[in-house]
Amino acid sequence: MTDALALDSEAQDLLFREARTANAFTDEPVTDEQLEAIYELVKFGPTSMNIQPLRVVLVRSDEARERLLPLMSEGNRAKTATAPVVAILAADVDFHDELPRTFPHFEGARDLFAGNEDARRDTALLNSGLQIGYAIVGIRAAGLAAGPMTGFDADAVSKEFFPDGRHQALVVVNIGRPAENAWFDRLPRLPYDEVVAAV
């Protein structure tokens, strides 16, 4: 089946088949250049009306990490404490303010969302979820491992790291080089014929 894809087998392994969620990391630093290169790649992933609602806080300092750790679930604290960098990925529910710049050919785009906060929130959450998927693949493309987690107090993390109240934290991702024995056993994946139906 790998011959049916444009990516060579090595790239397929790097991004998907051999890539795993890491639970332990080496102390090798993740550079700002690597993080910027990841963003510059994954920013091209599509979102509806090009809204791009994902916002990211990179936790590097000891002070910021000490603020984050108590808000993580107990099972996620140790790995978050030792990962070279931790990214908090959030949805900007005021993404519509950027639409004159990101969707300029439609002058009324901002107004479609301005008066409907429920629609903005739903749209922001769905499209941020897409961008989170792109971000994980981008981290892998940089030769790094990602450890995405939803085990944390999302409301508390949102208040602590996005105090404007207009962002919802969705996923916390530990990023770095995987340490020895960083993985749990691979869990089963559903087969094609149980997931895909042609009509």
N, C-alpha and C. Protein backbone atom coordinates (compact mmCIF):
# COMPACT_ATOMS: atom_id res chain seq x y z
N MET A 1 0.81 -1.21 0.00
CA MET A 1 0.00 0.00 0.00
C MET A 1 0.85 1.27 0.00
N THR A 2 2.08 1.20 0.54
CA THR A 2 2.89 2.41 0.62
C THR A 2 3.21 2.97 -0.75
N ASP A 3 3.18 2.15 -1.81
CA ASP A 3 3.47 2.63 -3.16
C ASP A 3 2.36 3.52 -3.70
N ALA A 4 1.19 3.50 -3.08
CA ALA A 4 0.09 4.33 -3.54
C ALA A 4 0.20 5.77 -3.03
N LEU A 5 1.20 6.07 -2.20
CA LEU A 5 1.35 7.39 -1.61
C LEU A 5 2.53 8.12 -2.23
N ALA A 6 2.45 9.45 -2.25
CA ALA A 6 3.52 10.26 -2.82
C ALA A 6 4.74 10.31 -1.90
N LEU A 7 4.53 10.26 -0.59
CA LEU A 7 5.66 10.26 0.35
C LEU A 7 6.40 8.94 0.29
N ASP A 8 7.73 9.00 0.37
CA ASP A 8 8.46 7.74 0.40
C ASP A 8 8.24 7.03 1.73
N SER A 9 8.61 5.77 1.78
CA SER A 9 8.33 4.93 2.95
C SER A 9 8.99 5.48 4.20
N GLU A 10 10.18 6.04 4.08
CA GLU A 10 10.89 6.60 5.24
C GLU A 10 10.10 7.77 5.84
N ALA A 11 9.58 8.63 4.99
CA ALA A 11 8.78 9.76 5.48
C ALA A 11 7.47 9.28 6.10
N GLN A 12 6.86 8.26 5.52
CA GLN A 12 5.64 7.70 6.09
C GLN A 12 5.91 7.16 7.49
N ASP A 13 7.05 6.48 7.66
CA ASP A 13 7.40 5.96 8.98
C ASP A 13 7.63 7.09 9.97
N LEU A 14 8.36 8.13 9.55
CA LEU A 14 8.68 9.25 10.42
C LEU A 14 7.43 9.95 10.93
N LEU A 15 6.47 10.14 10.04
CA LEU A 15 5.29 10.93 10.38
C LEU A 15 4.17 10.10 11.01
N PHE A 16 4.11 8.80 10.67
CA PHE A 16 2.95 8.01 11.07
C PHE A 16 3.31 6.65 11.68
N ARG A 17 3.80 5.73 10.86
CA ARG A 17 3.89 4.34 11.32
C ARG A 17 4.81 4.14 12.51
N GLU A 18 5.98 4.78 12.49
CA GLU A 18 6.94 4.59 13.57
C GLU A 18 6.85 5.69 14.64
N ALA A 19 6.11 6.74 14.35
CA ALA A 19 5.97 7.84 15.31
C ALA A 19 5.07 7.40 16.46
N ARG A 20 5.42 7.83 17.65
CA ARG A 20 4.67 7.41 18.84
C ARG A 20 4.52 8.60 19.78
N THR A 21 3.53 8.52 20.65
CA THR A 21 3.38 9.50 21.72
C THR A 21 4.44 9.23 22.77
N ALA A 22 5.30 10.19 23.00
CA ALA A 22 6.41 10.01 23.94
C ALA A 22 5.98 10.34 25.36
N ASN A 23 6.45 9.55 26.29
CA ASN A 23 6.18 9.77 27.71
C ASN A 23 7.43 10.09 28.51
N ALA A 24 8.58 10.10 27.84
CA ALA A 24 9.84 10.46 28.49
C ALA A 24 10.75 11.06 27.42
N PHE A 25 11.57 12.02 27.86
CA PHE A 25 12.40 12.77 26.91
C PHE A 25 13.82 12.87 27.42
N THR A 26 14.75 13.01 26.47
CA THR A 26 16.13 13.32 26.85
C THR A 26 16.20 14.78 27.25
N ASP A 27 17.36 15.22 27.74
CA ASP A 27 17.52 16.62 28.12
C ASP A 27 18.06 17.47 26.97
N GLU A 28 18.10 16.90 25.75
CA GLU A 28 18.54 17.68 24.60
C GLU A 28 17.56 18.83 24.35
N PRO A 29 18.07 20.07 24.24
CA PRO A 29 17.16 21.21 24.07
C PRO A 29 16.41 21.16 22.74
N VAL A 30 15.25 21.75 22.74
CA VAL A 30 14.50 22.05 21.52
C VAL A 30 14.71 23.54 21.26
N THR A 31 15.22 23.88 20.08
CA THR A 31 15.60 25.26 19.82
C THR A 31 14.41 26.09 19.33
N ASP A 32 14.55 27.40 19.49
CA ASP A 32 13.54 28.31 18.94
C ASP A 32 13.46 28.15 17.42
N GLU A 33 14.61 27.89 16.79
CA GLU A 33 14.61 27.70 15.34
C GLU A 33 13.79 26.49 14.93
N GLN A 34 13.89 25.40 15.68
CA GLN A 34 13.08 24.22 15.39
C GLN A 34 11.59 24.52 15.54
N LEU A 35 11.24 25.20 16.61
CA LEU A 35 9.83 25.50 16.86
C LEU A 35 9.26 26.43 15.79
N GLU A 36 10.06 27.41 15.38
CA GLU A 36 9.59 28.30 14.33
C GLU A 36 9.46 27.56 13.00
N ALA A 37 10.40 26.68 12.71
CA ALA A 37 10.33 25.90 11.47
C ALA A 37 9.09 25.01 11.46
N ILE A 38 8.75 24.42 12.60
CA ILE A 38 7.53 23.62 12.68
C ILE A 38 6.32 24.48 12.36
N TYR A 39 6.23 25.65 12.99
CA TYR A 39 5.09 26.52 12.72
C TYR A 39 5.04 26.94 11.26
N GLU A 40 6.18 27.30 10.69
CA GLU A 40 6.21 27.77 9.31
C GLU A 40 5.78 26.68 8.33
N LEU A 41 5.87 25.42 8.74
CA LEU A 41 5.37 24.32 7.91
C LEU A 41 3.88 24.11 8.12
N VAL A 42 3.47 23.98 9.38
CA VAL A 42 2.09 23.55 9.64
C VAL A 42 1.07 24.67 9.48
N LYS A 43 1.52 25.92 9.39
CA LYS A 43 0.56 27.01 9.20
C LYS A 43 -0.18 26.90 7.87
N PHE A 44 0.33 26.09 6.97
CA PHE A 44 -0.32 25.93 5.66
C PHE A 44 -1.45 24.90 5.67
N GLY A 45 -1.65 24.20 6.78
CA GLY A 45 -2.78 23.28 6.87
C GLY A 45 -4.09 24.05 6.78
N PRO A 46 -5.09 23.53 6.07
CA PRO A 46 -6.33 24.29 5.85
C PRO A 46 -7.21 24.39 7.09
N THR A 47 -7.87 25.52 7.21
CA THR A 47 -8.95 25.74 8.17
C THR A 47 -10.10 26.39 7.42
N SER A 48 -11.32 26.26 7.95
CA SER A 48 -12.48 26.82 7.25
C SER A 48 -12.36 28.34 7.20
N MET A 49 -12.58 28.90 6.03
CA MET A 49 -12.45 30.33 5.78
C MET A 49 -11.09 30.88 6.23
N ASN A 50 -10.10 30.00 6.26
CA ASN A 50 -8.73 30.40 6.62
C ASN A 50 -8.67 31.09 7.98
N ILE A 51 -9.48 30.61 8.94
CA ILE A 51 -9.61 31.35 10.20
C ILE A 51 -8.41 31.19 11.13
N GLN A 52 -7.69 30.09 11.08
CA GLN A 52 -6.45 29.90 11.85
C GLN A 52 -6.61 30.27 13.32
N PRO A 53 -7.49 29.61 14.07
CA PRO A 53 -7.75 30.02 15.45
C PRO A 53 -6.75 29.50 16.48
N LEU A 54 -5.83 28.63 16.10
CA LEU A 54 -4.90 28.07 17.08
C LEU A 54 -3.98 29.15 17.62
N ARG A 55 -3.81 29.17 18.94
CA ARG A 55 -2.85 30.03 19.61
C ARG A 55 -2.00 29.15 20.52
N VAL A 56 -0.74 29.50 20.68
CA VAL A 56 0.22 28.64 21.36
C VAL A 56 1.00 29.44 22.39
N VAL A 57 1.13 28.87 23.58
CA VAL A 57 2.06 29.37 24.59
C VAL A 57 3.12 28.30 24.79
N LEU A 58 4.38 28.67 24.62
CA LEU A 58 5.49 27.75 24.85
C LEU A 58 5.99 27.92 26.28
N VAL A 59 5.96 26.85 27.03
CA VAL A 59 6.40 26.88 28.43
C VAL A 59 7.85 26.42 28.47
N ARG A 60 8.73 27.34 28.78
CA ARG A 60 10.16 27.04 28.84
C ARG A 60 10.74 27.33 30.23
N SER A 61 10.33 28.43 30.84
CA SER A 61 10.96 28.87 32.09
C SER A 61 10.50 28.00 33.26
N ASP A 62 11.35 27.92 34.27
CA ASP A 62 10.99 27.19 35.49
C ASP A 62 9.75 27.79 36.13
N GLU A 63 9.66 29.11 36.11
CA GLU A 63 8.52 29.79 36.73
C GLU A 63 7.21 29.41 36.05
N ALA A 64 7.21 29.42 34.72
CA ALA A 64 5.99 29.06 33.98
C ALA A 64 5.65 27.59 34.19
N ARG A 65 6.66 26.74 34.24
CA ARG A 65 6.41 25.31 34.45
C ARG A 65 5.81 25.06 35.83
N GLU A 66 6.27 25.79 36.82
CA GLU A 66 5.72 25.64 38.17
C GLU A 66 4.26 26.08 38.22
N ARG A 67 3.88 27.03 37.37
CA ARG A 67 2.48 27.43 37.29
C ARG A 67 1.63 26.36 36.61
N LEU A 68 2.23 25.66 35.64
CA LEU A 68 1.48 24.67 34.87
C LEU A 68 1.33 23.34 35.60
N LEU A 69 2.38 22.89 36.25
CA LEU A 69 2.39 21.52 36.79
C LEU A 69 1.22 21.21 37.73
N PRO A 70 0.84 22.09 38.64
CA PRO A 70 -0.28 21.74 39.52
C PRO A 70 -1.61 21.60 38.79
N LEU A 71 -1.69 22.12 37.58
CA LEU A 71 -2.93 22.07 36.80
C LEU A 71 -3.00 20.84 35.91
N MET A 72 -1.90 20.08 35.85
CA MET A 72 -1.87 18.84 35.08
C MET A 72 -2.41 17.69 35.92
N SER A 73 -3.00 16.71 35.27
CA SER A 73 -3.39 15.49 35.99
C SER A 73 -2.14 14.84 36.58
N GLU A 74 -2.31 14.15 37.68
CA GLU A 74 -1.17 13.60 38.40
C GLU A 74 -0.28 12.74 37.51
N GLY A 75 -0.89 11.93 36.65
CA GLY A 75 -0.11 11.05 35.78
C GLY A 75 0.66 11.77 34.70
N ASN A 76 0.38 13.05 34.48
CA ASN A 76 1.06 13.81 33.43
C ASN A 76 2.11 14.78 33.98
N ARG A 77 2.21 14.90 35.29
CA ARG A 77 3.08 15.93 35.86
C ARG A 77 4.56 15.64 35.66
N ALA A 78 4.99 14.41 35.91
CA ALA A 78 6.43 14.11 35.86
C ALA A 78 6.97 14.32 34.46
N LYS A 79 6.26 13.84 33.45
CA LYS A 79 6.78 14.00 32.08
C LYS A 79 6.73 15.45 31.63
N THR A 80 5.74 16.21 32.11
CA THR A 80 5.67 17.63 31.78
C THR A 80 6.77 18.41 32.49
N ALA A 81 7.16 17.94 33.66
CA ALA A 81 8.24 18.60 34.41
C ALA A 81 9.59 18.45 33.72
N THR A 82 9.77 17.37 32.96
CA THR A 82 11.10 17.08 32.41
C THR A 82 11.19 17.26 30.89
N ALA A 83 10.09 17.52 30.21
CA ALA A 83 10.15 17.72 28.76
C ALA A 83 10.93 19.01 28.45
N PRO A 84 11.73 19.01 27.40
CA PRO A 84 12.50 20.22 27.08
C PRO A 84 11.64 21.46 26.85
N VAL A 85 10.50 21.29 26.22
CA VAL A 85 9.57 22.41 26.03
C VAL A 85 8.15 21.84 26.05
N VAL A 86 7.24 22.64 26.55
CA VAL A 86 5.84 22.25 26.64
C VAL A 86 5.02 23.31 25.91
N ALA A 87 4.14 22.87 25.01
CA ALA A 87 3.29 23.80 24.27
C ALA A 87 1.85 23.66 24.76
N ILE A 88 1.26 24.79 25.10
CA ILE A 88 -0.17 24.84 25.43
C ILE A 88 -0.88 25.32 24.17
N LEU A 89 -1.75 24.46 23.63
CA LEU A 89 -2.45 24.77 22.38
C LEU A 89 -3.88 25.14 22.70
N ALA A 90 -4.30 26.30 22.24
CA ALA A 90 -5.60 26.85 22.61
C ALA A 90 -6.32 27.39 21.39
N ALA A 91 -7.64 27.52 21.53
CA ALA A 91 -8.49 28.10 20.49
C ALA A 91 -8.79 29.55 20.84
N ASP A 92 -8.60 30.43 19.87
CA ASP A 92 -8.94 31.84 20.02
C ASP A 92 -10.38 32.03 19.56
N VAL A 93 -11.29 32.31 20.50
CA VAL A 93 -12.70 32.46 20.11
C VAL A 93 -12.99 33.81 19.49
N ASP A 94 -12.01 34.68 19.46
CA ASP A 94 -12.14 35.96 18.75
C ASP A 94 -11.36 35.95 17.44
N PHE A 95 -11.23 34.77 16.84
CA PHE A 95 -10.51 34.64 15.56
C PHE A 95 -11.09 35.56 14.50
N HIS A 96 -12.38 35.86 14.60
CA HIS A 96 -13.05 36.64 13.56
C HIS A 96 -12.44 38.02 13.37
N ASP A 97 -11.78 38.55 14.41
CA ASP A 97 -11.16 39.86 14.27
C ASP A 97 -10.01 39.87 13.26
N GLU A 98 -9.47 38.68 12.96
CA GLU A 98 -8.38 38.58 11.99
C GLU A 98 -8.88 38.33 10.56
N LEU A 99 -10.18 38.09 10.38
CA LEU A 99 -10.68 37.72 9.06
C LEU A 99 -10.47 38.79 7.99
N PRO A 100 -10.53 40.09 8.29
CA PRO A 100 -10.21 41.06 7.23
C PRO A 100 -8.80 40.86 6.66
N ARG A 101 -7.91 40.29 7.46
CA ARG A 101 -6.54 40.04 7.00
C ARG A 101 -6.39 38.65 6.40
N THR A 102 -7.03 37.62 7.01
CA THR A 102 -6.81 36.24 6.57
C THR A 102 -7.80 35.77 5.51
N PHE A 103 -8.92 36.49 5.35
CA PHE A 103 -9.94 36.13 4.35
C PHE A 103 -10.40 37.41 3.66
N PRO A 104 -9.45 38.16 3.07
CA PRO A 104 -9.73 39.54 2.64
C PRO A 104 -10.69 39.67 1.46
N HIS A 105 -10.87 38.63 0.67
CA HIS A 105 -11.72 38.75 -0.50
C HIS A 105 -13.21 38.76 -0.16
N PHE A 106 -13.55 38.46 1.11
CA PHE A 106 -14.94 38.46 1.55
C PHE A 106 -15.09 39.52 2.64
N GLU A 107 -15.56 40.69 2.27
CA GLU A 107 -15.58 41.82 3.20
C GLU A 107 -16.48 41.59 4.41
N GLY A 108 -17.50 40.77 4.27
CA GLY A 108 -18.43 40.54 5.37
C GLY A 108 -18.08 39.37 6.26
N ALA A 109 -16.90 38.78 6.10
CA ALA A 109 -16.55 37.56 6.85
C ALA A 109 -16.58 37.79 8.35
N ARG A 110 -15.99 38.89 8.81
CA ARG A 110 -15.96 39.14 10.25
C ARG A 110 -17.38 39.27 10.81
N ASP A 111 -18.24 39.96 10.08
CA ASP A 111 -19.59 40.21 10.57
C ASP A 111 -20.42 38.93 10.70
N LEU A 112 -20.08 37.90 9.92
CA LEU A 112 -20.79 36.63 10.04
C LEU A 112 -20.68 36.05 11.45
N PHE A 113 -19.55 36.30 12.10
CA PHE A 113 -19.28 35.71 13.41
C PHE A 113 -19.41 36.70 14.56
N ALA A 114 -19.42 37.98 14.27
CA ALA A 114 -19.31 38.99 15.33
C ALA A 114 -20.43 38.89 16.36
N GLY A 115 -21.64 38.60 15.92
CA GLY A 115 -22.76 38.60 16.84
C GLY A 115 -23.18 37.24 17.36
N ASN A 116 -22.40 36.21 17.09
CA ASN A 116 -22.81 34.85 17.46
C ASN A 116 -21.64 34.13 18.13
N GLU A 117 -21.54 34.30 19.44
CA GLU A 117 -20.40 33.72 20.15
C GLU A 117 -20.43 32.20 20.15
N ASP A 118 -21.63 31.60 20.19
CA ASP A 118 -21.70 30.13 20.15
C ASP A 118 -21.14 29.59 18.85
N ALA A 119 -21.49 30.21 17.74
CA ALA A 119 -20.96 29.77 16.44
C ALA A 119 -19.45 29.99 16.38
N ARG A 120 -18.98 31.11 16.92
CA ARG A 120 -17.54 31.37 16.93
C ARG A 120 -16.81 30.31 17.73
N ARG A 121 -17.34 29.98 18.90
CA ARG A 121 -16.68 28.99 19.75
C ARG A 121 -16.64 27.63 19.07
N ASP A 122 -17.77 27.19 18.51
CA ASP A 122 -17.80 25.90 17.84
C ASP A 122 -16.82 25.86 16.67
N THR A 123 -16.80 26.94 15.89
CA THR A 123 -15.90 27.01 14.74
C THR A 123 -14.45 27.03 15.18
N ALA A 124 -14.17 27.78 16.25
CA ALA A 124 -12.80 27.85 16.76
C ALA A 124 -12.32 26.50 17.27
N LEU A 125 -13.19 25.78 18.00
CA LEU A 125 -12.78 24.49 18.55
C LEU A 125 -12.53 23.47 17.46
N LEU A 126 -13.42 23.40 16.48
CA LEU A 126 -13.23 22.43 15.40
C LEU A 126 -11.94 22.70 14.63
N ASN A 127 -11.73 23.94 14.26
CA ASN A 127 -10.58 24.26 13.43
C ASN A 127 -9.27 24.25 14.21
N SER A 128 -9.31 24.58 15.49
CA SER A 128 -8.11 24.42 16.32
C SER A 128 -7.74 22.95 16.43
N GLY A 129 -8.75 22.09 16.51
CA GLY A 129 -8.48 20.64 16.53
C GLY A 129 -7.76 20.19 15.28
N LEU A 130 -8.18 20.71 14.12
CA LEU A 130 -7.46 20.40 12.88
C LEU A 130 -6.00 20.86 12.98
N GLN A 131 -5.81 22.08 13.45
CA GLN A 131 -4.46 22.62 13.53
C GLN A 131 -3.59 21.88 14.54
N ILE A 132 -4.20 21.37 15.60
CA ILE A 132 -3.44 20.56 16.56
C ILE A 132 -2.92 19.30 15.89
N GLY A 133 -3.75 18.67 15.06
CA GLY A 133 -3.29 17.50 14.31
C GLY A 133 -2.13 17.84 13.39
N TYR A 134 -2.24 18.98 12.70
CA TYR A 134 -1.12 19.40 11.84
C TYR A 134 0.13 19.62 12.68
N ALA A 135 -0.03 20.23 13.87
CA ALA A 135 1.13 20.53 14.72
C ALA A 135 1.85 19.26 15.15
N ILE A 136 1.11 18.22 15.49
CA ILE A 136 1.74 16.97 15.90
C ILE A 136 2.54 16.37 14.76
N VAL A 137 1.98 16.38 13.56
CA VAL A 137 2.72 15.88 12.39
C VAL A 137 3.94 16.76 12.13
N GLY A 138 3.81 18.07 12.31
CA GLY A 138 4.95 18.97 12.11
C GLY A 138 6.06 18.72 13.10
N ILE A 139 5.72 18.45 14.35
CA ILE A 139 6.72 18.13 15.36
C ILE A 139 7.48 16.87 14.94
N ARG A 140 6.75 15.87 14.47
CA ARG A 140 7.40 14.65 13.99
C ARG A 140 8.28 14.92 12.77
N ALA A 141 7.83 15.82 11.89
CA ALA A 141 8.62 16.16 10.70
C ALA A 141 9.96 16.78 11.07
N ALA A 142 10.03 17.40 12.25
CA ALA A 142 11.29 17.98 12.73
C ALA A 142 12.18 16.94 13.38
N GLY A 143 11.76 15.68 13.39
CA GLY A 143 12.55 14.63 14.02
C GLY A 143 12.39 14.59 15.53
N LEU A 144 11.36 15.27 16.03
CA LEU A 144 11.10 15.30 17.47
C LEU A 144 9.90 14.42 17.79
N ALA A 145 9.70 14.18 19.07
CA ALA A 145 8.53 13.43 19.51
C ALA A 145 7.57 14.38 20.21
N ALA A 146 6.29 14.11 20.02
CA ALA A 146 5.25 14.88 20.69
C ALA A 146 4.56 13.99 21.71
N GLY A 147 4.23 14.59 22.83
CA GLY A 147 3.44 13.90 23.86
C GLY A 147 2.19 14.70 24.15
N PRO A 148 1.16 14.60 23.28
CA PRO A 148 -0.05 15.39 23.50
C PRO A 148 -0.89 14.83 24.65
N MET A 149 -1.46 15.74 25.44
CA MET A 149 -2.24 15.35 26.62
C MET A 149 -3.48 16.23 26.74
N THR A 150 -4.57 15.60 27.14
CA THR A 150 -5.77 16.35 27.52
C THR A 150 -6.06 16.18 29.00
N GLY A 151 -5.19 15.51 29.70
CA GLY A 151 -5.35 15.31 31.13
C GLY A 151 -4.83 16.49 31.92
N PHE A 152 -5.64 17.54 32.00
CA PHE A 152 -5.29 18.74 32.77
C PHE A 152 -6.58 19.53 33.00
N ASP A 153 -6.53 20.48 33.90
CA ASP A 153 -7.68 21.34 34.19
C ASP A 153 -7.71 22.43 33.13
N ALA A 154 -8.51 22.22 32.09
CA ALA A 154 -8.49 23.12 30.94
C ALA A 154 -8.92 24.54 31.31
N ASP A 155 -9.92 24.66 32.15
CA ASP A 155 -10.37 26.01 32.54
C ASP A 155 -9.29 26.73 33.32
N ALA A 156 -8.63 26.02 34.23
CA ALA A 156 -7.58 26.64 35.04
C ALA A 156 -6.37 27.02 34.18
N VAL A 157 -5.99 26.14 33.24
CA VAL A 157 -4.87 26.46 32.35
C VAL A 157 -5.22 27.66 31.47
N SER A 158 -6.46 27.71 30.99
CA SER A 158 -6.89 28.84 30.18
C SER A 158 -6.77 30.14 30.97
N LYS A 159 -7.24 30.14 32.20
CA LYS A 159 -7.18 31.36 33.02
C LYS A 159 -5.75 31.76 33.36
N GLU A 160 -4.91 30.75 33.60
CA GLU A 160 -3.53 31.03 34.02
C GLU A 160 -2.67 31.55 32.88
N PHE A 161 -2.85 30.96 31.68
CA PHE A 161 -1.95 31.29 30.58
C PHE A 161 -2.59 32.15 29.49
N PHE A 162 -3.89 32.30 29.52
CA PHE A 162 -4.61 33.16 28.58
C PHE A 162 -5.58 34.03 29.38
N PRO A 163 -5.06 34.95 30.18
CA PRO A 163 -5.91 35.67 31.13
C PRO A 163 -6.92 36.63 30.50
N ASP A 164 -6.87 36.83 29.18
CA ASP A 164 -7.85 37.70 28.55
C ASP A 164 -9.25 37.07 28.49
N GLY A 165 -9.34 35.76 28.77
CA GLY A 165 -10.63 35.09 28.78
C GLY A 165 -11.18 34.76 27.41
N ARG A 166 -10.41 34.95 26.36
CA ARG A 166 -10.89 34.72 25.00
C ARG A 166 -10.26 33.50 24.35
N HIS A 167 -9.54 32.72 25.14
CA HIS A 167 -8.88 31.53 24.62
C HIS A 167 -9.25 30.32 25.48
N GLN A 168 -9.41 29.18 24.82
CA GLN A 168 -9.71 27.94 25.53
C GLN A 168 -8.57 26.95 25.28
N ALA A 169 -7.86 26.59 26.35
CA ALA A 169 -6.80 25.59 26.24
C ALA A 169 -7.41 24.24 25.90
N LEU A 170 -6.83 23.56 24.91
CA LEU A 170 -7.36 22.30 24.43
C LEU A 170 -6.43 21.12 24.66
N VAL A 171 -5.15 21.31 24.38
CA VAL A 171 -4.17 20.23 24.46
C VAL A 171 -2.86 20.80 24.98
N VAL A 172 -2.20 20.04 25.83
CA VAL A 172 -0.83 20.36 26.26
C VAL A 172 0.07 19.32 25.62
N VAL A 173 1.15 19.78 24.97
CA VAL A 173 2.02 18.87 24.23
C VAL A 173 3.46 19.00 24.75
N ASN A 174 4.00 17.90 25.26
CA ASN A 174 5.42 17.85 25.59
C ASN A 174 6.19 17.58 24.30
N ILE A 175 7.32 18.27 24.13
CA ILE A 175 8.08 18.19 22.88
C ILE A 175 9.55 17.97 23.20
N GLY A 176 10.17 17.02 22.49
CA GLY A 176 11.60 16.80 22.65
C GLY A 176 12.04 15.53 21.96
N ARG A 177 13.28 15.16 22.22
CA ARG A 177 13.81 13.88 21.74
C ARG A 177 13.37 12.78 22.70
N PRO A 178 12.84 11.68 22.18
CA PRO A 178 12.37 10.64 23.08
C PRO A 178 13.52 9.96 23.81
N ALA A 179 13.29 9.71 25.09
CA ALA A 179 14.27 8.96 25.88
C ALA A 179 14.11 7.46 25.61
N GLU A 180 15.02 6.69 26.14
CA GLU A 180 14.91 5.24 26.02
C GLU A 180 13.63 4.77 26.72
N ASN A 181 12.94 3.83 26.10
CA ASN A 181 11.69 3.29 26.65
C ASN A 181 10.65 4.39 26.87
N ALA A 182 10.53 5.30 25.90
CA ALA A 182 9.61 6.44 26.03
C ALA A 182 8.17 6.07 25.69
N TRP A 183 7.95 4.84 25.16
CA TRP A 183 6.64 4.52 24.61
C TRP A 183 5.92 3.45 25.42
N PHE A 184 4.60 3.53 25.39
CA PHE A 184 3.78 2.39 25.78
C PHE A 184 3.66 1.48 24.57
N ASP A 185 3.18 0.26 24.77
CA ASP A 185 2.95 -0.63 23.64
C ASP A 185 1.94 0.00 22.68
N ARG A 186 2.15 -0.24 21.39
CA ARG A 186 1.23 0.27 20.36
C ARG A 186 -0.14 -0.35 20.55
N LEU A 187 -1.15 0.46 20.59
CA LEU A 187 -2.53 -0.02 20.72
C LEU A 187 -3.13 -0.29 19.35
N PRO A 188 -4.16 -1.15 19.29
CA PRO A 188 -4.74 -1.50 17.99
C PRO A 188 -5.36 -0.31 17.28
N ARG A 189 -5.32 -0.33 15.96
CA ARG A 189 -5.99 0.65 15.12
C ARG A 189 -7.12 -0.05 14.37
N LEU A 190 -8.22 0.66 14.19
CA LEU A 190 -9.35 0.09 13.47
C LEU A 190 -9.00 -0.11 12.00
N PRO A 191 -9.44 -1.21 11.39
CA PRO A 191 -9.12 -1.46 9.97
C PRO A 191 -10.00 -0.63 9.03
N TYR A 192 -9.49 -0.46 7.83
CA TYR A 192 -10.15 0.33 6.79
C TYR A 192 -11.62 -0.06 6.61
N ASP A 193 -11.90 -1.35 6.49
CA ASP A 193 -13.26 -1.76 6.15
C ASP A 193 -14.25 -1.57 7.29
N GLU A 194 -13.76 -1.28 8.50
CA GLU A 194 -14.66 -0.96 9.61
C GLU A 194 -14.90 0.54 9.75
N VAL A 195 -14.09 1.33 9.09
CA VAL A 195 -14.16 2.77 9.23
C VAL A 195 -14.72 3.44 7.99
N VAL A 196 -14.39 2.91 6.82
CA VAL A 196 -14.70 3.58 5.56
C VAL A 196 -15.82 2.85 4.85
N ALA A 197 -16.83 3.62 4.44
CA ALA A 197 -17.94 3.08 3.65
C ALA A 197 -18.06 3.88 2.37
N ALA A 198 -18.23 3.19 1.28
CA ALA A 198 -18.46 3.83 -0.02
C ALA A 198 -19.93 3.71 -0.36
N VAL A 199 -20.53 4.83 -0.80
CA VAL A 199 -21.96 4.82 -1.12
C VAL A 199 -22.19 5.32 -2.55
